[in-house]
Amino acid sequence: MINKLKQHIGEYFVGKEEIIENVLICLLSGGHILLEGIPGVGKTTLASALAKSVKCDFGRIQFTPDTLPTDVMGTEIFNMKTGEFEYREGAVMHQIVLADEINRTSPKTQASLLEAMAEGQTTVSGVKHTLPQPFMVIATQNPVEFMGTYPLPEAQIDRFMMKITLDYPEEDEEIRMTKNMLDGKTVDTVESIVTAEDVISMKEQVKQTAIKDEVIRYARNMAEMTRNEKRFVLGASPRAVLALIRASQAKAFLEGRDFVKPDDIRAVAPNIFTHRLTLTSEAKIAKENKDEILRRLIRNTKIPL
């Protein structure tokens, strides 16, 4: 089922298989994903292809500067006939939510997603509303240097399990995209091949994937390395360690194993940690490369025997 889903998404999103695999890791481990890239490289296409391949309730929020928190969370409207307030669902009340261009809206509206992403619920007028399962937010954003964008706060960034950057496609990939367009093969024609019940079942299997204490300690030591790195203002949070463990279980599951190896930790760690780390002013002036520092720390973390 995993191979079929991976191949199906790859027919519509033409790109690296590793990117599709990381999206599936987030889906099966209950995490949320942030896609970053310049306009037109396929961020929305990837999110839509995943959502439509899985037979889940799909919602889309097109973030703009005037989007309000109530557009996301929902609101209560007074019903003149019944004399009571009724809850009108917001865009977040779906199983898979595409938060398109999330950094084009105000920080207040961005923050309206925090409760939903962390706790699987939203609170309106003091009343809690449970979100449908499985629940996943796929957010896209343009690079922060672009005009009209707001940088995501650290609290929001930390809610995303992974951040994946999409770049320009290779020559053969771009030619294949063009042929798909000429043949009418677009995301509008994607058919569902996996049900929500299938996803929930696989998520439960991921949770049963065995992981030894030594491997858990290895993941924690890796996070500790980032916290002790003087060139980072912020290191990896405890939430990042939990995300790393769950993502490594999903990685092992995708490869057909029922146990986690240190290699699984090393494979998913860069996408788990990178967006949570912040360089100091001195490191930025010295033009240090955050990704290169992280790769060095991962290599230097002692692997359990």
C-alpha atoms as a PDB file:
ATOM      1  CA  MET A   1       0.000   0.000   0.000  1.00  0.00           C
ATOM      2  CA  ILE A   2       2.876   2.367   0.845  1.00  0.00           C
ATOM      3  CA  ASN A   3       4.667   1.685  -2.434  1.00  0.00           C
ATOM      4  CA  LYS A   4       1.443   2.151  -4.368  1.00  0.00           C
ATOM      5  CA  LEU A   5       0.751   5.470  -2.637  1.00  0.00           C
ATOM      6  CA  LYS A   6       4.315   6.680  -3.189  1.00  0.00           C
ATOM      7  CA  GLN A   7       4.164   5.802  -6.885  1.00  0.00           C
ATOM      8  CA  HIS A   8       0.718   7.355  -7.302  1.00  0.00           C
ATOM      9  CA  ILE A   9       1.787  10.705  -5.831  1.00  0.00           C
ATOM     10  CA  GLY A  10       4.970  10.611  -7.934  1.00  0.00           C
ATOM     11  CA  GLU A  11       2.896  10.486 -11.111  1.00  0.00           C
ATOM     12  CA  TYR A  12       1.535  13.963 -10.408  1.00  0.00           C
ATOM     13  CA  PHE A  13       4.298  15.559  -8.345  1.00  0.00           C
ATOM     14  CA  VAL A  14       7.418  15.190 -10.453  1.00  0.00           C
ATOM     15  CA  GLY A  15      10.391  15.493  -8.142  1.00  0.00           C
ATOM     16  CA  LYS A  16      12.678  13.633  -5.790  1.00  0.00           C
ATOM     17  CA  GLU A  17      11.315  10.445  -4.252  1.00  0.00           C
ATOM     18  CA  GLU A  18      12.897  11.476  -0.941  1.00  0.00           C
ATOM     19  CA  ILE A  19      10.508  14.451  -0.698  1.00  0.00           C
ATOM     20  CA  ILE A  20       7.443  12.232  -1.166  1.00  0.00           C
ATOM     21  CA  GLU A  21       8.803   9.793   1.415  1.00  0.00           C
ATOM     22  CA  ASN A  22       9.253  12.568   3.991  1.00  0.00           C
ATOM     23  CA  VAL A  23       5.667  13.731   3.431  1.00  0.00           C
ATOM     24  CA  LEU A  24       4.442  10.175   4.038  1.00  0.00           C
ATOM     25  CA  ILE A  25       6.593   9.943   7.175  1.00  0.00           C
ATOM     26  CA  CYS A  26       4.815  13.006   8.547  1.00  0.00           C
ATOM     27  CA  LEU A  27       1.414  11.597   7.599  1.00  0.00           C
ATOM     28  CA  LEU A  28       2.014   8.234   9.288  1.00  0.00           C
ATOM     29  CA  SER A  29       3.656   9.694  12.403  1.00  0.00           C
ATOM     30  CA  GLY A  30       0.930  12.246  13.065  1.00  0.00           C
ATOM     31  CA  GLY A  31       3.117  15.251  12.246  1.00  0.00           C
ATOM     32  CA  HIS A  32       2.657  18.401  10.198  1.00  0.00           C
ATOM     33  CA  ILE A  33       4.863  19.550   7.348  1.00  0.00           C
ATOM     34  CA  LEU A  34       6.084  22.932   6.105  1.00  0.00           C
ATOM     35  CA  LEU A  35       6.967  23.227   2.403  1.00  0.00           C
ATOM     36  CA  GLU A  36       9.127  26.188   1.409  1.00  0.00           C
ATOM     37  CA  GLY A  37      10.189  27.316  -2.030  1.00  0.00           C
ATOM     38  CA  ILE A  38       9.893  30.062  -4.582  1.00  0.00           C
ATOM     39  CA  PRO A  39       6.548  30.375  -6.390  1.00  0.00           C
ATOM     40  CA  GLY A  40       5.831  27.750  -9.029  1.00  0.00           C
ATOM     41  CA  VAL A  41       8.042  24.837  -7.916  1.00  0.00           C
ATOM     42  CA  GLY A  42       5.149  22.530  -6.966  1.00  0.00           C
ATOM     43  CA  LYS A  43       4.455  23.106  -3.266  1.00  0.00           C
ATOM     44  CA  THR A  44       0.680  23.218  -3.714  1.00  0.00           C
ATOM     45  CA  THR A  45       0.807  20.384  -6.258  1.00  0.00           C
ATOM     46  CA  LEU A  46       2.555  18.087  -3.785  1.00  0.00           C
ATOM     47  CA  ALA A  47       0.100  18.906  -0.992  1.00  0.00           C
ATOM     48  CA  SER A  48      -2.930  18.469  -3.254  1.00  0.00           C
ATOM     49  CA  ALA A  49      -1.625  15.191  -4.728  1.00  0.00           C
ATOM     50  CA  LEU A  50      -1.219  13.725  -1.236  1.00  0.00           C
ATOM     51  CA  ALA A  51      -4.606  14.943  -0.016  1.00  0.00           C
ATOM     52  CA  LYS A  52      -6.446  13.608  -3.040  1.00  0.00           C
ATOM     53  CA  SER A  53      -4.583  10.283  -3.068  1.00  0.00           C
ATOM     54  CA  VAL A  54      -5.846   9.668   0.455  1.00  0.00           C
ATOM     55  CA  LYS A  55      -9.635   9.526   0.650  1.00  0.00           C
ATOM     56  CA  CYS A  56      -9.888  12.090   3.428  1.00  0.00           C
ATOM     57  CA  ASP A  57     -11.873  15.235   3.992  1.00  0.00           C
ATOM     58  CA  PHE A  58      -9.725  17.978   2.426  1.00  0.00           C
ATOM     59  CA  GLY A  59      -9.752  21.674   3.253  1.00  0.00           C
ATOM     60  CA  ARG A  60      -7.725  24.566   1.931  1.00  0.00           C
ATOM     61  CA  ILE A  61      -6.950  27.929   3.513  1.00  0.00           C
ATOM     62  CA  GLN A  62      -5.630  30.537   1.106  1.00  0.00           C
ATOM     63  CA  PHE A  63      -3.835  32.855   3.504  1.00  0.00           C
ATOM     64  CA  THR A  64      -3.860  36.558   2.659  1.00  0.00           C
ATOM     65  CA  PRO A  65      -3.083  39.655   4.760  1.00  0.00           C
ATOM     66  CA  ASP A  66      -6.793  40.066   5.593  1.00  0.00           C
ATOM     67  CA  THR A  67      -7.463  36.430   6.628  1.00  0.00           C
ATOM     68  CA  LEU A  68      -8.944  36.362  10.152  1.00  0.00           C
ATOM     69  CA  PRO A  69      -8.514  33.780  12.937  1.00  0.00           C
ATOM     70  CA  THR A  70     -12.245  33.019  12.698  1.00  0.00           C
ATOM     71  CA  ASP A  71     -11.733  31.984   9.062  1.00  0.00           C
ATOM     72  CA  VAL A  72      -9.397  29.296  10.371  1.00  0.00           C
ATOM     73  CA  MET A  73     -10.991  28.232  13.669  1.00  0.00           C
ATOM     74  CA  GLY A  74     -14.650  28.927  12.932  1.00  0.00           C
ATOM     75  CA  THR A  75     -17.063  31.143  14.827  1.00  0.00           C
ATOM     76  CA  GLU A  76     -20.401  31.103  16.624  1.00  0.00           C
ATOM     77  CA  ILE A  77     -23.400  32.718  14.936  1.00  0.00           C
ATOM     78  CA  PHE A  78     -26.681  33.518  16.664  1.00  0.00           C
ATOM     79  CA  ASN A  79     -29.638  31.615  15.174  1.00  0.00           C
ATOM     80  CA  MET A  80     -32.747  33.807  15.311  1.00  0.00           C
ATOM     81  CA  LYS A  81     -35.083  30.802  14.989  1.00  0.00           C
ATOM     82  CA  THR A  82     -33.674  28.707  17.828  1.00  0.00           C
ATOM     83  CA  GLY A  83     -32.463  31.595  19.953  1.00  0.00           C
ATOM     84  CA  GLU A  84     -29.094  29.864  20.392  1.00  0.00           C
ATOM     85  CA  PHE A  85     -25.549  30.301  19.131  1.00  0.00           C
ATOM     86  CA  GLU A  86     -24.436  27.756  16.542  1.00  0.00           C
ATOM     87  CA  TYR A  87     -20.880  26.794  15.689  1.00  0.00           C
ATOM     88  CA  ARG A  88     -19.911  27.400  12.079  1.00  0.00           C
ATOM     89  CA  GLU A  89     -16.872  25.326  11.203  1.00  0.00           C
ATOM     90  CA  GLY A  90     -13.677  26.992  10.083  1.00  0.00           C
ATOM     91  CA  ALA A  91     -11.303  25.766   7.396  1.00  0.00           C
ATOM     92  CA  VAL A  92      -9.308  23.771   9.969  1.00  0.00           C
ATOM     93  CA  MET A  93     -12.149  21.294  10.572  1.00  0.00           C
ATOM     94  CA  HIS A  94     -10.908  18.850   7.937  1.00  0.00           C
ATOM     95  CA  GLN A  95      -8.687  15.779   8.018  1.00  0.00           C
ATOM     96  CA  ILE A  96      -6.005  17.149   5.693  1.00  0.00           C
ATOM     97  CA  VAL A  97      -5.641  20.923   5.671  1.00  0.00           C
ATOM     98  CA  LEU A  98      -3.598  22.812   3.093  1.00  0.00           C
ATOM     99  CA  ALA A  99      -2.465  26.101   4.621  1.00  0.00           C
ATOM    100  CA  ASP A 100      -1.373  27.812   1.426  1.00  0.00           C
ATOM    101  CA  GLU A 101       1.203  30.625   1.713  1.00  0.00           C
ATOM    102  CA  ILE A 102       0.932  30.652   5.487  1.00  0.00           C
ATOM    103  CA  ASN A 103       3.511  33.411   5.892  1.00  0.00           C
ATOM    104  CA  ARG A 104       1.459  35.922   3.896  1.00  0.00           C
ATOM    105  CA  THR A 105      -1.022  36.386   6.729  1.00  0.00           C
ATOM    106  CA  SER A 106      -0.630  38.212  10.047  1.00  0.00           C
ATOM    107  CA  PRO A 107       1.005  36.576  13.107  1.00  0.00           C
ATOM    108  CA  LYS A 108      -2.356  36.625  14.919  1.00  0.00           C
ATOM    109  CA  THR A 109      -3.958  34.492  12.212  1.00  0.00           C
ATOM    110  CA  GLN A 110      -0.912  32.221  12.043  1.00  0.00           C
ATOM    111  CA  ALA A 111      -1.242  31.623  15.788  1.00  0.00           C
ATOM    112  CA  SER A 112      -4.829  30.426  15.363  1.00  0.00           C
ATOM    113  CA  LEU A 113      -3.425  27.136  14.056  1.00  0.00           C
ATOM    114  CA  LEU A 114      -1.298  26.434  17.144  1.00  0.00           C
ATOM    115  CA  GLU A 115      -3.932  24.637  19.234  1.00  0.00           C
ATOM    116  CA  ALA A 116      -5.150  22.574  16.296  1.00  0.00           C
ATOM    117  CA  MET A 117      -1.639  21.421  15.370  1.00  0.00           C
ATOM    118  CA  ALA A 118      -0.536  20.649  18.933  1.00  0.00           C
ATOM    119  CA  GLU A 119      -3.682  19.186  20.494  1.00  0.00           C
ATOM    120  CA  GLY A 120      -5.964  18.132  17.630  1.00  0.00           C
ATOM    121  CA  GLN A 121      -8.733  20.469  18.745  1.00  0.00           C
ATOM    122  CA  THR A 122      -9.839  24.083  18.456  1.00  0.00           C
ATOM    123  CA  THR A 123     -11.558  26.246  21.054  1.00  0.00           C
ATOM    124  CA  VAL A 124     -14.214  28.794  20.051  1.00  0.00           C
ATOM    125  CA  SER A 125     -16.000  30.868  22.710  1.00  0.00           C
ATOM    126  CA  GLY A 126     -14.744  28.512  25.412  1.00  0.00           C
ATOM    127  CA  VAL A 127     -16.115  25.396  23.701  1.00  0.00           C
ATOM    128  CA  LYS A 128     -13.647  22.749  22.503  1.00  0.00           C
ATOM    129  CA  HIS A 129     -14.205  21.113  19.127  1.00  0.00           C
ATOM    130  CA  THR A 130     -12.294  17.910  18.341  1.00  0.00           C
ATOM    131  CA  LEU A 131     -10.747  17.733  14.894  1.00  0.00           C
ATOM    132  CA  PRO A 132     -11.412  14.726  12.632  1.00  0.00           C
ATOM    133  CA  GLN A 133      -8.774  12.010  12.411  1.00  0.00           C
ATOM    134  CA  PRO A 134      -6.371  11.537  10.813  1.00  0.00           C
ATOM    135  CA  PHE A 135      -5.488  15.239  11.003  1.00  0.00           C
ATOM    136  CA  MET A 136      -2.552  16.825   9.188  1.00  0.00           C
ATOM    137  CA  VAL A 137      -1.576  20.373   8.252  1.00  0.00           C
ATOM    138  CA  ILE A 138       0.466  20.855   5.089  1.00  0.00           C
ATOM    139  CA  ALA A 139       1.623  24.463   5.032  1.00  0.00           C
ATOM    140  CA  THR A 140       3.395  26.166   2.154  1.00  0.00           C
ATOM    141  CA  GLN A 141       5.391  29.363   2.341  1.00  0.00           C
ATOM    142  CA  ASN A 142       7.531  31.566   0.146  1.00  0.00           C
ATOM    143  CA  PRO A 143      11.056  32.429   1.327  1.00  0.00           C
ATOM    144  CA  VAL A 144      10.950  35.163   3.979  1.00  0.00           C
ATOM    145  CA  GLU A 145      12.933  37.520   1.765  1.00  0.00           C
ATOM    146  CA  PHE A 146       9.920  37.868  -0.539  1.00  0.00           C
ATOM    147  CA  MET A 147       7.773  40.975  -0.321  1.00  0.00           C
ATOM    148  CA  GLY A 148       4.536  40.654   1.640  1.00  0.00           C
ATOM    149  CA  THR A 149       5.646  37.778   3.881  1.00  0.00           C
ATOM    150  CA  TYR A 150       5.684  37.524   7.676  1.00  0.00           C
ATOM    151  CA  PRO A 151       8.283  35.267   9.315  1.00  0.00           C
ATOM    152  CA  LEU A 152       6.696  32.471  11.320  1.00  0.00           C
ATOM    153  CA  PRO A 153       7.295  32.776  15.090  1.00  0.00           C
ATOM    154  CA  GLU A 154       9.372  30.113  16.844  1.00  0.00           C
ATOM    155  CA  ALA A 155       6.300  28.688  18.599  1.00  0.00           C
ATOM    156  CA  GLN A 156       4.612  28.111  15.236  1.00  0.00           C
ATOM    157  CA  ILE A 157       7.738  26.719  13.582  1.00  0.00           C
ATOM    158  CA  ASP A 158       8.193  24.190  16.392  1.00  0.00           C
ATOM    159  CA  ARG A 159       4.743  22.709  15.699  1.00  0.00           C
ATOM    160  CA  PHE A 160       5.882  21.453  12.296  1.00  0.00           C
ATOM    161  CA  MET A 161       7.527  18.053  12.381  1.00  0.00           C
ATOM    162  CA  MET A 162       9.485  18.706   9.197  1.00  0.00           C
ATOM    163  CA  LYS A 163      10.396  21.524   6.870  1.00  0.00           C
ATOM    164  CA  ILE A 164      11.178  20.614   3.274  1.00  0.00           C
ATOM    165  CA  THR A 165      12.606  23.060   0.749  1.00  0.00           C
ATOM    166  CA  LEU A 166      11.641  22.634  -2.904  1.00  0.00           C
ATOM    167  CA  ASP A 167      14.018  23.900  -5.566  1.00  0.00           C
ATOM    168  CA  TYR A 168      13.998  24.137  -9.352  1.00  0.00           C
ATOM    169  CA  PRO A 169      13.458  20.732 -11.027  1.00  0.00           C
ATOM    170  CA  GLU A 170      16.039  18.936 -13.120  1.00  0.00           C
ATOM    171  CA  GLU A 171      15.787  19.038 -16.920  1.00  0.00           C
ATOM    172  CA  ASP A 172      14.150  15.624 -17.336  1.00  0.00           C
ATOM    173  CA  GLU A 173      11.725  16.370 -14.493  1.00  0.00           C
ATOM    174  CA  GLU A 174      10.624  19.643 -16.051  1.00  0.00           C
ATOM    175  CA  ILE A 175      10.113  17.969 -19.431  1.00  0.00           C
ATOM    176  CA  ARG A 176       7.996  15.293 -17.747  1.00  0.00           C
ATOM    177  CA  MET A 177       5.916  18.012 -16.058  1.00  0.00           C
ATOM    178  CA  THR A 178       5.273  19.571 -19.432  1.00  0.00           C
ATOM    179  CA  LYS A 179       4.191  16.250 -20.946  1.00  0.00           C
ATOM    180  CA  ASN A 180       1.820  15.653 -18.024  1.00  0.00           C
ATOM    181  CA  MET A 181       0.238  19.057 -18.637  1.00  0.00           C
ATOM    182  CA  LEU A 182      -0.142  18.387 -22.371  1.00  0.00           C
ATOM    183  CA  ASP A 183      -1.746  15.011 -21.610  1.00  0.00           C
ATOM    184  CA  GLY A 184      -4.178  16.618 -19.165  1.00  0.00           C
ATOM    185  CA  LYS A 185      -2.613  14.799 -16.210  1.00  0.00           C
ATOM    186  CA  THR A 186      -2.998  17.370 -13.435  1.00  0.00           C
ATOM    187  CA  VAL A 187      -3.838  17.274  -9.713  1.00  0.00           C
ATOM    188  CA  ASP A 188      -7.476  17.789 -10.672  1.00  0.00           C
ATOM    189  CA  THR A 189      -7.485  14.228 -12.051  1.00  0.00           C
ATOM    190  CA  VAL A 190      -5.911  12.528  -9.005  1.00  0.00           C
ATOM    191  CA  GLU A 191      -7.959   9.589  -7.716  1.00  0.00           C
ATOM    192  CA  SER A 192      -8.047   8.315  -4.130  1.00  0.00           C
ATOM    193  CA  ILE A 193      -6.328   4.961  -3.611  1.00  0.00           C
ATOM    194  CA  VAL A 194      -6.075   4.883   0.212  1.00  0.00           C
ATOM    195  CA  THR A 195      -8.837   5.479   2.749  1.00  0.00           C
ATOM    196  CA  ALA A 196      -8.724   7.355   6.046  1.00  0.00           C
ATOM    197  CA  GLU A 197      -9.172   4.025   7.849  1.00  0.00           C
ATOM    198  CA  ASP A 198      -6.065   2.694   6.078  1.00  0.00           C
ATOM    199  CA  VAL A 199      -4.045   5.687   7.276  1.00  0.00           C
ATOM    200  CA  ILE A 200      -5.282   5.290  10.869  1.00  0.00           C
ATOM    201  CA  SER A 201      -4.395   1.592  10.758  1.00  0.00           C
ATOM    202  CA  MET A 202      -0.885   2.311   9.476  1.00  0.00           C
ATOM    203  CA  LYS A 203      -0.392   5.017  12.109  1.00  0.00           C
ATOM    204  CA  GLU A 204      -1.170   2.451  14.801  1.00  0.00           C
ATOM    205  CA  GLN A 205       1.377   0.068  13.273  1.00  0.00           C
ATOM    206  CA  VAL A 206       3.977   2.835  13.277  1.00  0.00           C
ATOM    207  CA  LYS A 207       3.418   3.339  17.016  1.00  0.00           C
ATOM    208  CA  GLN A 208       4.155  -0.364  17.552  1.00  0.00           C
ATOM    209  CA  THR A 209       7.550  -0.131  15.836  1.00  0.00           C
ATOM    210  CA  ALA A 210      10.138  -1.150  18.448  1.00  0.00           C
ATOM    211  CA  ILE A 211      12.889   1.266  19.491  1.00  0.00           C
ATOM    212  CA  LYS A 212      15.540   0.455  22.084  1.00  0.00           C
ATOM    213  CA  ASP A 213      16.601   2.753  24.899  1.00  0.00           C
ATOM    214  CA  GLU A 214      20.057   3.135  23.369  1.00  0.00           C
ATOM    215  CA  VAL A 215      18.545   4.477  20.162  1.00  0.00           C
ATOM    216  CA  ILE A 216      16.300   6.862  22.111  1.00  0.00           C
ATOM    217  CA  ARG A 217      19.372   8.107  23.995  1.00  0.00           C
ATOM    218  CA  TYR A 218      21.174   8.541  20.662  1.00  0.00           C
ATOM    219  CA  ALA A 219      18.358  10.806  19.416  1.00  0.00           C
ATOM    220  CA  ARG A 220      18.416  12.793  22.649  1.00  0.00           C
ATOM    221  CA  ASN A 221      22.222  13.191  22.507  1.00  0.00           C
ATOM    222  CA  MET A 222      21.910  14.499  18.983  1.00  0.00           C
ATOM    223  CA  ALA A 223      19.488  17.179  20.170  1.00  0.00           C
ATOM    224  CA  GLU A 224      21.807  18.001  23.088  1.00  0.00           C
ATOM    225  CA  MET A 225      24.606  18.654  20.613  1.00  0.00           C
ATOM    226  CA  THR A 226      22.533  21.377  18.970  1.00  0.00           C
ATOM    227  CA  ARG A 227      21.764  22.948  22.366  1.00  0.00           C
ATOM    228  CA  ASN A 228      25.458  23.137  23.257  1.00  0.00           C
ATOM    229  CA  GLU A 229      26.472  24.575  19.889  1.00  0.00           C
ATOM    230  CA  LYS A 230      27.531  28.204  20.535  1.00  0.00           C
ATOM    231  CA  ARG A 231      26.614  29.296  17.018  1.00  0.00           C
ATOM    232  CA  PHE A 232      22.944  28.487  17.663  1.00  0.00           C
ATOM    233  CA  VAL A 233      20.683  30.804  19.638  1.00  0.00           C
ATOM    234  CA  LEU A 234      18.103  28.052  19.941  1.00  0.00           C
ATOM    235  CA  GLY A 235      18.769  24.329  19.879  1.00  0.00           C
ATOM    236  CA  ALA A 236      16.362  21.459  19.268  1.00  0.00           C
ATOM    237  CA  SER A 237      13.442  21.430  21.707  1.00  0.00           C
ATOM    238  CA  PRO A 238      12.093  18.402  23.619  1.00  0.00           C
ATOM    239  CA  ARG A 239       9.209  18.419  21.119  1.00  0.00           C
ATOM    240  CA  ALA A 240      11.829  18.007  18.387  1.00  0.00           C
ATOM    241  CA  VAL A 241      13.183  14.886  20.138  1.00  0.00           C
ATOM    242  CA  LEU A 242       9.689  13.382  20.351  1.00  0.00           C
ATOM    243  CA  ALA A 243       9.139  14.201  16.667  1.00  0.00           C
ATOM    244  CA  LEU A 244      12.491  12.606  15.805  1.00  0.00           C
ATOM    245  CA  ILE A 245      11.556   9.381  17.587  1.00  0.00           C
ATOM    246  CA  ARG A 246       8.124   9.141  15.955  1.00  0.00           C
ATOM    247  CA  ALA A 247       9.490  10.024  12.497  1.00  0.00           C
ATOM    248  CA  SER A 248      12.209   7.372  12.820  1.00  0.00           C
ATOM    249  CA  GLN A 249       9.505   4.794  13.605  1.00  0.00           C
ATOM    250  CA  ALA A 250       7.656   5.815  10.441  1.00  0.00           C
ATOM    251  CA  LYS A 251      10.912   5.654   8.464  1.00  0.00           C
ATOM    252  CA  ALA A 252      11.497   2.086   9.643  1.00  0.00           C
ATOM    253  CA  PHE A 253       7.874   1.211   8.830  1.00  0.00           C
ATOM    254  CA  LEU A 254       8.229   2.547   5.275  1.00  0.00           C
ATOM    255  CA  GLU A 255      11.259   0.303   4.805  1.00  0.00           C
ATOM    256  CA  GLY A 256       9.349  -2.748   6.013  1.00  0.00           C
ATOM    257  CA  ARG A 257      10.998  -3.107   9.438  1.00  0.00           C
ATOM    258  CA  ASP A 258       9.372  -3.390  12.860  1.00  0.00           C
ATOM    259  CA  PHE A 259      12.332  -1.863  14.712  1.00  0.00           C
ATOM    260  CA  VAL A 260      14.272   1.422  14.523  1.00  0.00           C
ATOM    261  CA  LYS A 261      17.972   1.596  13.656  1.00  0.00           C
ATOM    262  CA  PRO A 262      20.318   4.528  14.353  1.00  0.00           C
ATOM    263  CA  ASP A 263      20.413   5.003  10.573  1.00  0.00           C
ATOM    264  CA  ASP A 264      16.704   5.912  10.690  1.00  0.00           C
ATOM    265  CA  ILE A 265      17.462   8.633  13.236  1.00  0.00           C
ATOM    266  CA  ARG A 266      20.288  10.019  11.091  1.00  0.00           C
ATOM    267  CA  ALA A 267      18.121   9.964   7.964  1.00  0.00           C
ATOM    268  CA  VAL A 268      15.237  12.037   9.320  1.00  0.00           C
ATOM    269  CA  ALA A 269      17.135  14.290  11.757  1.00  0.00           C
ATOM    270  CA  PRO A 270      18.115  17.077   9.289  1.00  0.00           C
ATOM    271  CA  ASN A 271      14.514  17.778   8.232  1.00  0.00           C
ATOM    272  CA  ILE A 272      13.354  17.547  11.870  1.00  0.00           C
ATOM    273  CA  PHE A 273      15.963  19.930  13.299  1.00  0.00           C
ATOM    274  CA  THR A 274      16.877  22.495  10.626  1.00  0.00           C
ATOM    275  CA  HIS A 275      13.874  24.815  10.903  1.00  0.00           C
ATOM    276  CA  ARG A 276      14.070  24.791  14.706  1.00  0.00           C
ATOM    277  CA  LEU A 277      17.638  26.078  14.848  1.00  0.00           C
ATOM    278  CA  THR A 278      18.563  29.772  14.812  1.00  0.00           C
ATOM    279  CA  LEU A 279      22.050  31.124  14.145  1.00  0.00           C
ATOM    280  CA  THR A 280      23.545  33.803  16.384  1.00  0.00           C
ATOM    281  CA  SER A 281      24.208  37.279  14.953  1.00  0.00           C
ATOM    282  CA  GLU A 282      27.945  36.568  14.940  1.00  0.00           C
ATOM    283  CA  ALA A 283      27.416  33.357  12.972  1.00  0.00           C
ATOM    284  CA  LYS A 284      25.250  35.171  10.439  1.00  0.00           C
ATOM    285  CA  ILE A 285      27.880  37.888   9.996  1.00  0.00           C
ATOM    286  CA  ALA A 286      30.507  35.191   9.507  1.00  0.00           C
ATOM    287  CA  LYS A 287      28.176  33.643   6.892  1.00  0.00           C
ATOM    288  CA  GLU A 288      28.074  30.295   8.640  1.00  0.00           C
ATOM    289  CA  ASN A 289      25.944  27.620   6.986  1.00  0.00           C
ATOM    290  CA  LYS A 290      23.329  26.291   9.418  1.00  0.00           C
ATOM    291  CA  ASP A 291      22.765  23.065   7.483  1.00  0.00           C
ATOM    292  CA  GLU A 292      26.482  22.310   7.337  1.00  0.00           C
ATOM    293  CA  ILE A 293      26.857  22.884  11.094  1.00  0.00           C
ATOM    294  CA  LEU A 294      23.939  20.525  11.727  1.00  0.00           C
ATOM    295  CA  ARG A 295      25.349  17.832   9.445  1.00  0.00           C
ATOM    296  CA  ARG A 296      28.657  18.034  11.326  1.00  0.00           C
ATOM    297  CA  LEU A 297      26.910  17.691  14.694  1.00  0.00           C
ATOM    298  CA  ILE A 298      24.952  14.667  13.458  1.00  0.00           C
ATOM    299  CA  ARG A 299      28.161  13.026  12.230  1.00  0.00           C
ATOM    300  CA  ASN A 300      29.888  13.692  15.565  1.00  0.00           C
ATOM    301  CA  THR A 301      27.116  12.201  17.693  1.00  0.00           C
ATOM    302  CA  LYS A 302      28.290   8.837  18.977  1.00  0.00           C
ATOM    303  CA  ILE A 303      26.345   5.970  17.416  1.00  0.00           C
ATOM    304  CA  PRO A 304      25.218   3.235  19.859  1.00  0.00           C
ATOM    305  CA  LEU A 305      26.684  -0.204  19.260  1.00  0.00           C
END
